Amino acid sequence: MRKIEVLGPGCARCKKTERVVKQTLDELGWQEGQEYSLEKIENPNDIAGRGILMTPGVIIDGQIFCVGKVPTQKEISEFLTK
């Protein structure tokens, strides 16, 4: 199961990032709790502790995937299916 973390304080770009991630997972046909777990992290100390200094950020399976921008569905899909 893939572990996906969306990091950000809840700003518009952070919320959009969470939406794009969820849309991508839906399009892949993945089910939460089976193929992936999704966690939203909003605490600034927790965000910085994971090495994210600019939000939004996305971490997949412990690896920083995206920092400081909203990823595209294509970028997320390619990363998850490689």
Protein backbone atom coordinates (compact mmCIF):
# COMPACT_ATOMS: atom_id res chain seq x y z
CA MET A 1 0.00 0.00 0.00
CA ARG A 2 1.29 3.45 -0.97
CA LYS A 3 1.50 6.11 1.75
CA ILE A 4 0.72 9.60 0.45
CA GLU A 5 1.10 12.74 2.54
CA VAL A 6 -0.14 16.17 1.43
CA LEU A 7 1.56 18.91 3.42
CA GLY A 8 0.39 22.49 3.78
CA PRO A 9 -1.36 24.87 6.17
CA GLY A 10 -4.68 24.82 4.32
CA CYS A 11 -4.11 27.60 1.79
CA ALA A 12 -5.84 27.53 -1.60
CA ARG A 13 -2.87 25.86 -3.35
CA CYS A 14 -2.63 23.24 -0.61
CA LYS A 15 -6.32 22.41 -0.92
CA LYS A 16 -5.97 22.23 -4.71
CA THR A 17 -3.03 19.86 -4.33
CA GLU A 18 -5.12 17.56 -2.15
CA ARG A 19 -7.94 17.65 -4.74
CA VAL A 20 -5.57 16.87 -7.63
CA VAL A 21 -4.05 13.96 -5.71
CA LYS A 22 -7.49 12.53 -4.89
CA GLN A 23 -8.70 12.99 -8.50
CA THR A 24 -5.62 11.18 -9.80
CA LEU A 25 -6.10 8.28 -7.40
CA ASP A 26 -9.77 8.06 -8.40
CA GLU A 27 -8.83 8.00 -12.10
CA LEU A 28 -6.32 5.22 -11.41
CA GLY A 29 -9.16 3.30 -9.76
CA TRP A 30 -7.27 3.05 -6.47
CA GLN A 31 -9.23 2.54 -3.25
CA GLU A 32 -8.21 4.30 -0.04
CA GLY A 33 -7.30 1.73 2.58
CA GLN A 34 -6.43 -0.87 -0.05
CA GLU A 35 -4.00 0.62 -2.58
CA TYR A 36 -3.12 3.78 -0.63
CA SER A 37 -3.44 5.81 2.55
CA LEU A 38 -3.76 9.59 2.35
CA GLU A 39 -2.83 11.93 5.18
CA LYS A 40 -3.18 15.73 5.26
CA ILE A 41 -0.50 17.37 7.41
CA GLU A 42 -1.12 20.99 8.39
CA ASN A 43 1.08 21.51 11.47
CA PRO A 44 4.06 23.73 10.49
CA ASN A 45 6.47 21.82 12.75
CA ASP A 46 5.42 18.48 11.25
CA ILE A 47 5.77 19.92 7.74
CA ALA A 48 9.28 21.29 8.41
CA GLY A 49 10.24 18.06 10.17
CA ARG A 50 9.63 16.20 6.93
CA GLY A 51 11.97 18.52 5.01
CA ILE A 52 9.26 20.58 3.32
CA LEU A 53 10.18 24.27 3.56
CA MET A 54 7.74 25.53 0.91
CA THR A 55 4.14 24.40 0.58
CA PRO A 56 2.29 22.69 -0.83
CA GLY A 57 4.29 19.52 -0.56
CA VAL A 58 3.61 15.89 -1.39
CA ILE A 59 5.49 12.93 0.04
CA ILE A 60 4.92 9.46 -1.38
CA ASP A 61 6.24 6.43 0.49
CA GLY A 62 8.64 8.65 2.47
CA GLN A 63 10.11 10.25 -0.66
CA ILE A 64 9.59 13.96 -1.34
CA PHE A 65 7.69 14.09 -4.61
CA CYS A 66 6.74 17.76 -4.95
CA VAL A 67 7.54 21.01 -3.11
CA GLY A 68 6.22 24.53 -3.58
CA LYS A 69 3.84 23.84 -6.45
CA VAL A 70 0.63 22.05 -7.32
CA PRO A 71 1.57 18.87 -9.20
CA THR A 72 -0.32 17.86 -12.31
CA GLN A 73 -2.37 14.68 -12.50
CA LYS A 74 0.05 13.40 -15.13
CA GLU A 75 3.06 13.94 -12.82
CA ILE A 76 1.34 12.16 -9.95
CA SER A 77 0.13 9.28 -12.11
CA GLU A 78 3.55 8.73 -13.68
CA PHE A 79 5.25 8.72 -10.27
CA LEU A 80 2.74 6.30 -8.75
CA THR A 81 2.78 3.84 -11.65
CA LYS A 82 6.51 3.71 -12.35
